[in-house]
C-alpha atoms as a PDB file:
ATOM      1  CA  MET A   1     -14.127  -0.649  48.910  1.00  0.00           C
ATOM      2  CA  ARG A   2     -14.189  -3.242  46.154  1.00  0.00           C
ATOM      3  CA  ILE A   3     -15.620  -0.615  43.746  1.00  0.00           C
ATOM      4  CA  TYR A   4     -12.816   1.865  44.460  1.00  0.00           C
ATOM      5  CA  ARG A   5     -10.174  -0.838  43.920  1.00  0.00           C
ATOM      6  CA  SER A   6     -11.750  -1.736  40.578  1.00  0.00           C
ATOM      7  CA  MET A   7     -11.766   1.901  39.458  1.00  0.00           C
ATOM      8  CA  LEU A   8      -8.145   2.397  40.515  1.00  0.00           C
ATOM      9  CA  LEU A   9      -6.958  -0.640  38.559  1.00  0.00           C
ATOM     10  CA  ASN A  10      -8.976   0.495  35.562  1.00  0.00           C
ATOM     11  CA  TRP A  11      -7.142   3.836  35.574  1.00  0.00           C
ATOM     12  CA  VAL A  12      -3.750   2.106  35.936  1.00  0.00           C
ATOM     13  CA  VAL A  13      -4.422  -0.250  33.005  1.00  0.00           C
ATOM     14  CA  THR A  14      -5.586   2.672  30.859  1.00  0.00           C
ATOM     15  CA  ALA A  15      -2.478   4.710  31.686  1.00  0.00           C
ATOM     16  CA  VAL A  16      -0.213   1.783  30.790  1.00  0.00           C
ATOM     17  CA  LEU A  17      -1.932   1.009  27.493  1.00  0.00           C
ATOM     18  CA  LEU A  18      -2.373   4.511  26.099  1.00  0.00           C
ATOM     19  CA  PRO A  19       1.284   5.158  25.093  1.00  0.00           C
ATOM     20  CA  LEU A  20       1.583   1.824  23.256  1.00  0.00           C
ATOM     21  CA  PRO A  21       1.065   2.168  19.466  1.00  0.00           C
ATOM     22  CA  ILE A  22      -0.661  -0.486  17.402  1.00  0.00           C
ATOM     23  CA  SER A  23      -0.610  -0.869  13.666  1.00  0.00           C
ATOM     24  CA  ALA A  24      -3.110   1.163  11.672  1.00  0.00           C
ATOM     25  CA  HIS A  25      -4.583  -1.016   8.954  1.00  0.00           C
ATOM     26  CA  ALA A  26      -5.049   0.268   5.444  1.00  0.00           C
ATOM     27  CA  THR A  27      -8.411   0.018   3.747  1.00  0.00           C
ATOM     28  CA  VAL A  28      -7.369  -2.078   0.763  1.00  0.00           C
ATOM     29  CA  ASP A  29      -9.317  -1.482  -2.461  1.00  0.00           C
ATOM     30  CA  TRP A  30      -8.189  -4.794  -3.913  1.00  0.00           C
ATOM     31  CA  THR A  31      -5.446  -7.370  -3.645  1.00  0.00           C
ATOM     32  CA  GLU A  32      -4.493  -9.101  -6.862  1.00  0.00           C
ATOM     33  CA  GLY A  33      -2.878 -12.532  -6.787  1.00  0.00           C
ATOM     34  CA  PHE A  34      -3.232 -13.106 -10.564  1.00  0.00           C
ATOM     35  CA  GLU A  35      -4.679 -16.571  -9.963  1.00  0.00           C
ATOM     36  CA  TYR A  36      -6.380 -16.534 -13.369  1.00  0.00           C
ATOM     37  CA  ALA A  37      -6.828 -19.794 -15.245  1.00  0.00           C
ATOM     38  CA  ASN A  38      -6.278 -18.140 -18.628  1.00  0.00           C
ATOM     39  CA  GLN A  39      -5.823 -14.882 -20.507  1.00  0.00           C
ATOM     40  CA  ALA A  40      -9.558 -14.311 -20.939  1.00  0.00           C
ATOM     41  CA  ALA A  41     -10.096 -14.448 -17.176  1.00  0.00           C
ATOM     42  CA  LEU A  42      -7.310 -11.886 -16.629  1.00  0.00           C
ATOM     43  CA  GLU A  43      -8.762  -9.531 -19.240  1.00  0.00           C
ATOM     44  CA  ALA A  44     -12.229  -9.765 -17.673  1.00  0.00           C
ATOM     45  CA  VAL A  45     -10.771  -7.883 -14.676  1.00  0.00           C
ATOM     46  CA  TRP A  46      -7.928  -5.870 -16.213  1.00  0.00           C
ATOM     47  CA  ALA A  47      -8.551  -3.760 -19.320  1.00  0.00           C
ATOM     48  CA  THR A  48      -5.764  -4.315 -21.839  1.00  0.00           C
ATOM     49  CA  SER A  49      -4.221  -2.527 -24.792  1.00  0.00           C
ATOM     50  CA  CYS A  50      -3.428  -5.836 -26.528  1.00  0.00           C
ATOM     51  CA  PRO A  51      -6.321  -8.296 -26.139  1.00  0.00           C
ATOM     52  CA  GLY A  52      -5.335 -11.950 -26.324  1.00  0.00           C
ATOM     53  CA  ASN A  53      -1.628 -11.156 -26.580  1.00  0.00           C
ATOM     54  CA  ASP A  54      -0.549 -13.559 -23.859  1.00  0.00           C
ATOM     55  CA  ASP A  55       3.084 -13.682 -24.998  1.00  0.00           C
ATOM     56  CA  ILE A  56       3.584 -10.165 -23.561  1.00  0.00           C
ATOM     57  CA  ILE A  57       1.410 -10.027 -20.412  1.00  0.00           C
ATOM     58  CA  SER A  58      -0.246 -13.133 -19.013  1.00  0.00           C
ATOM     59  CA  PRO A  59      -0.883 -15.190 -15.870  1.00  0.00           C
ATOM     60  CA  SER A  60       1.940 -17.677 -15.389  1.00  0.00           C
ATOM     61  CA  THR A  61       2.718 -20.781 -13.347  1.00  0.00           C
ATOM     62  CA  ASN A  62       6.483 -20.298 -13.781  1.00  0.00           C
ATOM     63  CA  ARG A  63       6.817 -18.847 -10.288  1.00  0.00           C
ATOM     64  CA  ALA A  64       4.595 -17.331  -7.631  1.00  0.00           C
ATOM     65  CA  HIS A  65       5.085 -15.397  -4.424  1.00  0.00           C
ATOM     66  CA  SER A  66       1.883 -16.940  -3.088  1.00  0.00           C
ATOM     67  CA  GLY A  67      -0.699 -19.262  -4.596  1.00  0.00           C
ATOM     68  CA  SER A  68       0.155 -21.005  -7.850  1.00  0.00           C
ATOM     69  CA  ARG A  69       0.344 -18.132 -10.359  1.00  0.00           C
ATOM     70  CA  SER A  70       1.729 -14.647 -10.867  1.00  0.00           C
ATOM     71  CA  LEU A  71       1.638 -12.118 -13.698  1.00  0.00           C
ATOM     72  CA  LYS A  72       4.432 -12.502 -16.248  1.00  0.00           C
ATOM     73  CA  GLU A  73       5.539  -9.584 -18.408  1.00  0.00           C
ATOM     74  CA  THR A  74       7.901 -10.176 -21.326  1.00  0.00           C
ATOM     75  CA  PHE A  75      10.026  -7.270 -22.561  1.00  0.00           C
ATOM     76  CA  ARG A  76      11.345  -7.504 -26.125  1.00  0.00           C
ATOM     77  CA  GLY A  77      13.956  -4.823 -26.571  1.00  0.00           C
ATOM     78  CA  HIS A  78      13.586  -1.184 -27.602  1.00  0.00           C
ATOM     79  CA  GLN A  79      10.685   0.295 -29.537  1.00  0.00           C
ATOM     80  CA  GLY A  80      11.598   1.377 -33.050  1.00  0.00           C
ATOM     81  CA  ILE A  81      14.881  -0.532 -32.942  1.00  0.00           C
ATOM     82  CA  THR A  82      14.377  -4.198 -32.031  1.00  0.00           C
ATOM     83  CA  PRO A  83      12.739  -6.375 -34.736  1.00  0.00           C
ATOM     84  CA  GLY A  84       9.494  -7.847 -33.473  1.00  0.00           C
ATOM     85  CA  TYR A  85       9.244  -5.320 -30.651  1.00  0.00           C
ATOM     86  CA  ALA A  86       5.864  -5.036 -28.949  1.00  0.00           C
ATOM     87  CA  SER A  87       4.633  -3.384 -25.776  1.00  0.00           C
ATOM     88  CA  CYS A  88       1.421  -3.734 -23.837  1.00  0.00           C
ATOM     89  CA  TYR A  89      -0.358  -2.530 -20.714  1.00  0.00           C
ATOM     90  CA  ILE A  90      -3.220  -3.581 -18.465  1.00  0.00           C
ATOM     91  CA  ASP A  91      -5.372  -1.268 -16.312  1.00  0.00           C
ATOM     92  CA  ARG A  92      -7.356  -1.716 -13.127  1.00  0.00           C
ATOM     93  CA  TYR A  93      -9.360   1.070 -11.489  1.00  0.00           C
ATOM     94  CA  LEU A  94      -9.595   2.064  -7.861  1.00  0.00           C
ATOM     95  CA  LYS A  95     -12.944   1.781  -6.090  1.00  0.00           C
ATOM     96  CA  GLY A  96     -13.036   5.577  -5.963  1.00  0.00           C
ATOM     97  CA  SER A  97     -10.902   8.592  -6.827  1.00  0.00           C
ATOM     98  CA  SER A  98      -8.342   9.814  -4.324  1.00  0.00           C
ATOM     99  CA  ASP A  99      -5.670  12.444  -3.727  1.00  0.00           C
ATOM    100  CA  THR A 100      -3.461   9.680  -2.322  1.00  0.00           C
ATOM    101  CA  LEU A 101      -2.510   6.274  -3.673  1.00  0.00           C
ATOM    102  CA  TYR A 102      -0.605   3.536  -1.844  1.00  0.00           C
ATOM    103  CA  THR A 103       0.529   0.338  -3.535  1.00  0.00           C
ATOM    104  CA  ARG A 104       2.196  -2.840  -2.306  1.00  0.00           C
ATOM    105  CA  TYR A 105       3.383  -5.544  -4.648  1.00  0.00           C
ATOM    106  CA  TYR A 106       5.965  -8.261  -5.071  1.00  0.00           C
ATOM    107  CA  MET A 107       8.259  -8.073  -8.073  1.00  0.00           C
ATOM    108  CA  TYR A 108      10.676 -10.642  -9.489  1.00  0.00           C
ATOM    109  CA  MET A 109      13.136  -9.597 -12.201  1.00  0.00           C
ATOM    110  CA  ASP A 110      14.454 -12.682 -13.951  1.00  0.00           C
ATOM    111  CA  ASN A 111      17.977 -11.745 -15.135  1.00  0.00           C
ATOM    112  CA  PHE A 112      16.388  -8.595 -16.513  1.00  0.00           C
ATOM    113  CA  THR A 113      18.235  -6.049 -18.655  1.00  0.00           C
ATOM    114  CA  VAL A 114      17.076  -2.486 -18.055  1.00  0.00           C
ATOM    115  CA  ASP A 115      16.921  -0.359 -21.206  1.00  0.00           C
ATOM    116  CA  GLU A 116      19.769   2.140 -21.604  1.00  0.00           C
ATOM    117  CA  THR A 117      17.195   4.947 -21.753  1.00  0.00           C
ATOM    118  CA  SER A 118      14.257   3.754 -19.632  1.00  0.00           C
ATOM    119  CA  THR A 119      12.206   0.708 -18.766  1.00  0.00           C
ATOM    120  CA  LYS A 120       8.659   1.712 -17.837  1.00  0.00           C
ATOM    121  CA  VAL A 121       6.767  -0.661 -15.551  1.00  0.00           C
ATOM    122  CA  ALA A 122       3.729   1.232 -14.192  1.00  0.00           C
ATOM    123  CA  LEU A 123       1.628   4.361 -14.661  1.00  0.00           C
ATOM    124  CA  GLN A 124      -0.654   5.884 -12.031  1.00  0.00           C
ATOM    125  CA  GLY A 125      -2.913   8.908 -12.189  1.00  0.00           C
ATOM    126  CA  GLU A 126      -5.863  10.315 -14.131  1.00  0.00           C
ATOM    127  CA  ASP A 127      -7.612   9.416 -17.373  1.00  0.00           C
ATOM    128  CA  CYS A 128      -7.929  13.014 -18.473  1.00  0.00           C
ATOM    129  CA  CYS A 129      -4.990  15.098 -17.489  1.00  0.00           C
ATOM    130  CA  TYR A 130      -1.678  15.676 -15.756  1.00  0.00           C
ATOM    131  CA  PRO A 131       0.140  15.166 -13.500  1.00  0.00           C
ATOM    132  CA  SER A 132       0.770  11.474 -14.113  1.00  0.00           C
ATOM    133  CA  PHE A 133       3.331   9.215 -12.496  1.00  0.00           C
ATOM    134  CA  TRP A 134       5.550   6.708 -14.313  1.00  0.00           C
ATOM    135  CA  TRP A 135       7.342   4.129 -12.197  1.00  0.00           C
ATOM    136  CA  ALA A 136      10.419   3.128 -14.131  1.00  0.00           C
ATOM    137  CA  MET A 137      14.080   2.143 -14.145  1.00  0.00           C
ATOM    138  CA  LEU A 138      16.363   4.532 -16.016  1.00  0.00           C
ATOM    139  CA  PHE A 139      19.656   4.520 -17.914  1.00  0.00           C
ATOM    140  CA  GLY A 140      20.390   0.803 -17.656  1.00  0.00           C
ATOM    141  CA  ASN A 141      20.160   0.717 -13.853  1.00  0.00           C
ATOM    142  CA  ALA A 142      17.639  -1.385 -11.913  1.00  0.00           C
ATOM    143  CA  ASN A 143      16.838   1.486  -9.544  1.00  0.00           C
ATOM    144  CA  LEU A 144      13.267   2.351  -8.609  1.00  0.00           C
ATOM    145  CA  THR A 145      12.399   5.781 -10.021  1.00  0.00           C
ATOM    146  CA  VAL A 146       9.210   7.756 -10.509  1.00  0.00           C
ATOM    147  CA  ALA A 147       8.847  10.312 -13.285  1.00  0.00           C
ATOM    148  CA  VAL A 148       6.340  13.029 -12.353  1.00  0.00           C
ATOM    149  CA  GLN A 149       4.988  14.001 -15.759  1.00  0.00           C
ATOM    150  CA  GLY A 150       3.129  17.084 -16.908  1.00  0.00           C
ATOM    151  CA  ILE A 151       4.057  19.563 -14.194  1.00  0.00           C
ATOM    152  CA  ILE A 152       4.292  23.280 -14.940  1.00  0.00           C
ATOM    153  CA  SER A 153       7.766  24.738 -14.466  1.00  0.00           C
ATOM    154  CA  ASP A 154       8.507  28.257 -13.226  1.00  0.00           C
ATOM    155  CA  ASN A 155       8.902  29.521 -16.795  1.00  0.00           C
ATOM    156  CA  GLY A 156       5.451  28.200 -17.731  1.00  0.00           C
ATOM    157  CA  SER A 157       6.612  25.217 -19.791  1.00  0.00           C
ATOM    158  CA  ILE A 158       5.440  21.673 -19.201  1.00  0.00           C
ATOM    159  CA  ASP A 159       8.036  19.412 -17.629  1.00  0.00           C
ATOM    160  CA  THR A 160       8.812  15.982 -16.168  1.00  0.00           C
ATOM    161  CA  GLN A 161      10.855  15.526 -12.998  1.00  0.00           C
ATOM    162  CA  ASN A 162      12.520  12.248 -12.018  1.00  0.00           C
ATOM    163  CA  VAL A 163      12.607  11.200  -8.365  1.00  0.00           C
ATOM    164  CA  TYR A 164      15.272   8.529  -7.865  1.00  0.00           C
ATOM    165  CA  GLY A 165      15.188   5.674  -5.386  1.00  0.00           C
ATOM    166  CA  GLY A 166      17.103   2.539  -4.472  1.00  0.00           C
ATOM    167  CA  ALA A 167      18.223  -0.595  -6.296  1.00  0.00           C
ATOM    168  CA  ILE A 168      15.775  -3.449  -6.885  1.00  0.00           C
ATOM    169  CA  PRO A 169      17.494  -6.828  -6.350  1.00  0.00           C
ATOM    170  CA  GLN A 170      17.297  -9.302  -9.221  1.00  0.00           C
ATOM    171  CA  ASN A 171      16.306 -12.987  -9.237  1.00  0.00           C
ATOM    172  CA  GLN A 172      14.297 -12.881  -6.019  1.00  0.00           C
ATOM    173  CA  TRP A 173      10.883 -11.733  -4.868  1.00  0.00           C
ATOM    174  CA  VAL A 174      11.107  -8.137  -3.677  1.00  0.00           C
ATOM    175  CA  CYS A 175       8.410  -6.297  -1.719  1.00  0.00           C
ATOM    176  CA  ILE A 176       7.887  -2.795  -3.121  1.00  0.00           C
ATOM    177  CA  GLU A 177       5.636  -0.205  -1.480  1.00  0.00           C
ATOM    178  CA  THR A 178       4.815   3.240  -2.827  1.00  0.00           C
ATOM    179  CA  GLN A 179       2.930   6.334  -1.745  1.00  0.00           C
ATOM    180  CA  LEU A 180       1.906   9.248  -3.954  1.00  0.00           C
ATOM    181  CA  THR A 181      -0.046  12.188  -2.539  1.00  0.00           C
ATOM    182  CA  MET A 182      -1.137  14.997  -4.846  1.00  0.00           C
ATOM    183  CA  SER A 183       0.079  18.482  -4.027  1.00  0.00           C
ATOM    184  CA  ALA A 184      -2.357  21.234  -3.165  1.00  0.00           C
ATOM    185  CA  PRO A 185      -3.042  23.203  -6.375  1.00  0.00           C
ATOM    186  CA  GLY A 186      -0.114  25.518  -7.059  1.00  0.00           C
ATOM    187  CA  VAL A 187       1.823  24.392  -3.952  1.00  0.00           C
ATOM    188  CA  ASP A 188       5.020  22.325  -4.032  1.00  0.00           C
ATOM    189  CA  ASN A 189       3.953  19.930  -1.284  1.00  0.00           C
ATOM    190  CA  GLY A 190       3.265  16.678  -3.125  1.00  0.00           C
ATOM    191  CA  ILE A 191       4.543  13.498  -1.473  1.00  0.00           C
ATOM    192  CA  VAL A 192       6.534  10.714  -3.137  1.00  0.00           C
ATOM    193  CA  ARG A 193       7.618   7.794  -0.981  1.00  0.00           C
ATOM    194  CA  ALA A 194       8.803   4.264  -1.669  1.00  0.00           C
ATOM    195  CA  TRP A 195      10.106   1.284   0.274  1.00  0.00           C
ATOM    196  CA  ILE A 196      12.010  -1.784  -0.907  1.00  0.00           C
ATOM    197  CA  ASN A 197      11.749  -4.772   1.423  1.00  0.00           C
ATOM    198  CA  GLY A 198      10.617  -2.409   4.178  1.00  0.00           C
ATOM    199  CA  THR A 199      13.514   0.052   3.794  1.00  0.00           C
ATOM    200  CA  GLN A 200      12.565   3.543   2.679  1.00  0.00           C
ATOM    201  CA  VAL A 201      14.340   4.525  -0.537  1.00  0.00           C
ATOM    202  CA  ILE A 202      12.325   7.652  -1.512  1.00  0.00           C
ATOM    203  CA  ASN A 203      10.978  10.336   0.808  1.00  0.00           C
ATOM    204  CA  LYS A 204      10.201  13.582  -0.988  1.00  0.00           C
ATOM    205  CA  THR A 205       7.580  15.887   0.498  1.00  0.00           C
ATOM    206  CA  ASN A 206       7.942  19.022  -1.626  1.00  0.00           C
ATOM    207  CA  GLN A 207       7.215  17.635  -5.081  1.00  0.00           C
ATOM    208  CA  ARG A 208       5.535  19.938  -7.594  1.00  0.00           C
ATOM    209  CA  MET A 209       2.434  18.268  -9.042  1.00  0.00           C
ATOM    210  CA  ARG A 210      -0.876  20.073  -9.587  1.00  0.00           C
ATOM    211  CA  ALA A 211      -0.996  23.565 -11.082  1.00  0.00           C
ATOM    212  CA  SER A 212      -3.098  26.326  -9.512  1.00  0.00           C
ATOM    213  CA  SER A 213      -5.336  26.395 -12.603  1.00  0.00           C
ATOM    214  CA  LEU A 214      -5.777  24.285 -15.733  1.00  0.00           C
ATOM    215  CA  ASN A 215      -2.556  24.721 -17.688  1.00  0.00           C
ATOM    216  CA  GLN A 216      -1.455  22.602 -20.660  1.00  0.00           C
ATOM    217  CA  ARG A 217      -3.581  19.678 -19.404  1.00  0.00           C
ATOM    218  CA  ASN A 218      -2.229  19.968 -15.857  1.00  0.00           C
ATOM    219  CA  SER A 219      -5.356  20.134 -13.721  1.00  0.00           C
ATOM    220  CA  PRO A 220      -5.749  21.484 -10.172  1.00  0.00           C
ATOM    221  CA  SER A 221      -8.389  18.796  -9.611  1.00  0.00           C
ATOM    222  CA  ALA A 222      -6.367  15.802 -10.884  1.00  0.00           C
ATOM    223  CA  VAL A 223      -6.699  12.699  -8.699  1.00  0.00           C
ATOM    224  CA  PHE A 224      -5.733   9.025  -8.798  1.00  0.00           C
ATOM    225  CA  ARG A 225      -8.166   6.717 -10.577  1.00  0.00           C
ATOM    226  CA  PHE A 226      -6.247   3.724 -11.908  1.00  0.00           C
ATOM    227  CA  VAL A 227      -3.116   1.584 -11.884  1.00  0.00           C
ATOM    228  CA  ARG A 228      -1.495   0.572 -15.165  1.00  0.00           C
ATOM    229  CA  LEU A 229       1.083  -2.213 -15.463  1.00  0.00           C
ATOM    230  CA  TYR A 230       3.263  -1.563 -18.470  1.00  0.00           C
ATOM    231  CA  THR A 231       5.856  -3.305 -20.607  1.00  0.00           C
ATOM    232  CA  GLN A 232       7.993  -0.799 -22.464  1.00  0.00           C
ATOM    233  CA  ASP A 233      11.680  -1.205 -23.327  1.00  0.00           C
ATOM    234  CA  GLY A 234      14.063  -3.681 -21.747  1.00  0.00           C
ATOM    235  CA  VAL A 235      14.912  -7.346 -22.230  1.00  0.00           C
ATOM    236  CA  GLY A 236      13.686 -10.262 -20.161  1.00  0.00           C
ATOM    237  CA  SER A 237      10.830 -11.160 -17.839  1.00  0.00           C
ATOM    238  CA  ILE A 238       9.325  -9.419 -14.818  1.00  0.00           C
ATOM    239  CA  TYR A 239       6.786 -11.146 -12.564  1.00  0.00           C
ATOM    240  CA  TYR A 240       4.246  -9.517 -10.218  1.00  0.00           C
ATOM    241  CA  ASP A 241       2.237 -11.027  -7.396  1.00  0.00           C
ATOM    242  CA  ASP A 242       0.142  -9.959  -4.386  1.00  0.00           C
ATOM    243  CA  TYR A 243      -0.504  -6.496  -5.797  1.00  0.00           C
ATOM    244  CA  ALA A 244      -2.602  -4.362  -3.429  1.00  0.00           C
ATOM    245  CA  VAL A 245      -3.799  -0.744  -3.538  1.00  0.00           C
ATOM    246  CA  SER A 246      -5.144   1.560  -0.842  1.00  0.00           C
ATOM    247  CA  ARG A 247      -6.328   5.160  -0.738  1.00  0.00           C
ATOM    248  CA  ASP A 248      -5.745   5.821   2.952  1.00  0.00           C
ATOM    249  CA  ALA A 249      -2.667   4.113   4.436  1.00  0.00           C
ATOM    250  CA  ARG A 250       0.493   2.182   3.779  1.00  0.00           C
ATOM    251  CA  ILE A 251      -0.329  -1.510   3.329  1.00  0.00           C
ATOM    252  CA  GLY A 252       2.873  -3.218   4.440  1.00  0.00           C
ATOM    253  CA  CYS A 253       4.613  -6.360   3.230  1.00  0.00           C
ATOM    254  CA  SER A 254       2.991  -9.726   3.908  1.00  0.00           C
ATOM    255  CA  GLY A 255       3.427 -10.844   7.480  1.00  0.00           C
ATOM    256  CA  SER A 256       4.547  -7.466   8.798  1.00  0.00           C
ATOM    257  CA  ALA A 257       2.840  -4.196   9.608  1.00  0.00           C
ATOM    258  CA  PRO A 258       4.275  -0.870   8.417  1.00  0.00           C
ATOM    259  CA  THR A 259       6.512   0.537  11.136  1.00  0.00           C
ATOM    260  CA  ASN A 260       5.487   4.146  10.590  1.00  0.00           C
ATOM    261  CA  ASP A 261       1.705   3.664  10.580  1.00  0.00           C
ATOM    262  CA  THR A 262       0.623   3.651  14.207  1.00  0.00           C
ATOM    263  CA  THR A 263      -2.351   4.814  16.193  1.00  0.00           C
ATOM    264  CA  PRO A 264      -3.003   4.580  19.933  1.00  0.00           C
ATOM    265  CA  PRO A 265      -5.635   2.112  21.099  1.00  0.00           C
ATOM    266  CA  ALA A 266      -8.890   3.261  22.641  1.00  0.00           C
ATOM    267  CA  PRO A 267      -8.957   3.191  26.460  1.00  0.00           C
ATOM    268  CA  PRO A 268     -10.286  -0.127  27.774  1.00  0.00           C
ATOM    269  CA  SER A 269     -13.876  -0.175  28.960  1.00  0.00           C
ATOM    270  CA  GLY A 270     -15.934  -2.565  30.972  1.00  0.00           C
ATOM    271  CA  LEU A 271     -12.881  -3.849  32.861  1.00  0.00           C
ATOM    272  CA  SER A 272     -13.707  -5.158  36.291  1.00  0.00           C
ATOM    273  CA  VAL A 273     -11.116  -6.424  38.775  1.00  0.00           C
ATOM    274  CA  ARG A 274     -12.299  -8.191  41.896  1.00  0.00           C
END
């Protein structure tokens, strides 16, 4: 009799638990807190286009989202116009190539002036070919935007399409999350998503990306291999901290799990009630 009661309670507990979702955790390739003691330590991990140029991109103790340092980027105006203008970028590679890339980072714009044309802040994609993905703010507005570059239009020409998102608040740490998923070759089913402080501001699931065959450097086998942090056009400072990348799931802001990434738990086993 005691055995039957144990089995019955086991079934009841299983039935109660099965509908309850729990957070699915992303497999994070790396989380970057930029806790580097100096420029040389940063450049030992991140490849750079401007070695030793710590007045453009450098670890900083000015402010931090966590720890004691963050990455400071200094923007100096508009290329070809502003005297003394300089831009720079740093690259870090994923642990493996992927059709999908998720990022989560904290961004602080310190009274920043977005360029009247565009301020580019990140590039994601391939070394070799298109499509590539520029995260930017356009036309003087601090709105998160991604430019999908190198797609093949219906008339056969190469094109860039802008996908617009929401406003990024200034003078505070802001949690930004992104998802890019490559389209099937020749199919307009690429995914572009973004969240600002947990609120979704981009959700496009029919984005044209990869061509059906190699066409003007647009490759049907293009994947994500690296993340590039960029300083191009604009005036002021932008800080980054707690930058994480994943190839399989949304990461979520610190202290909270993504609300749309859920998976049911496995049924309990070995439960005995006496």
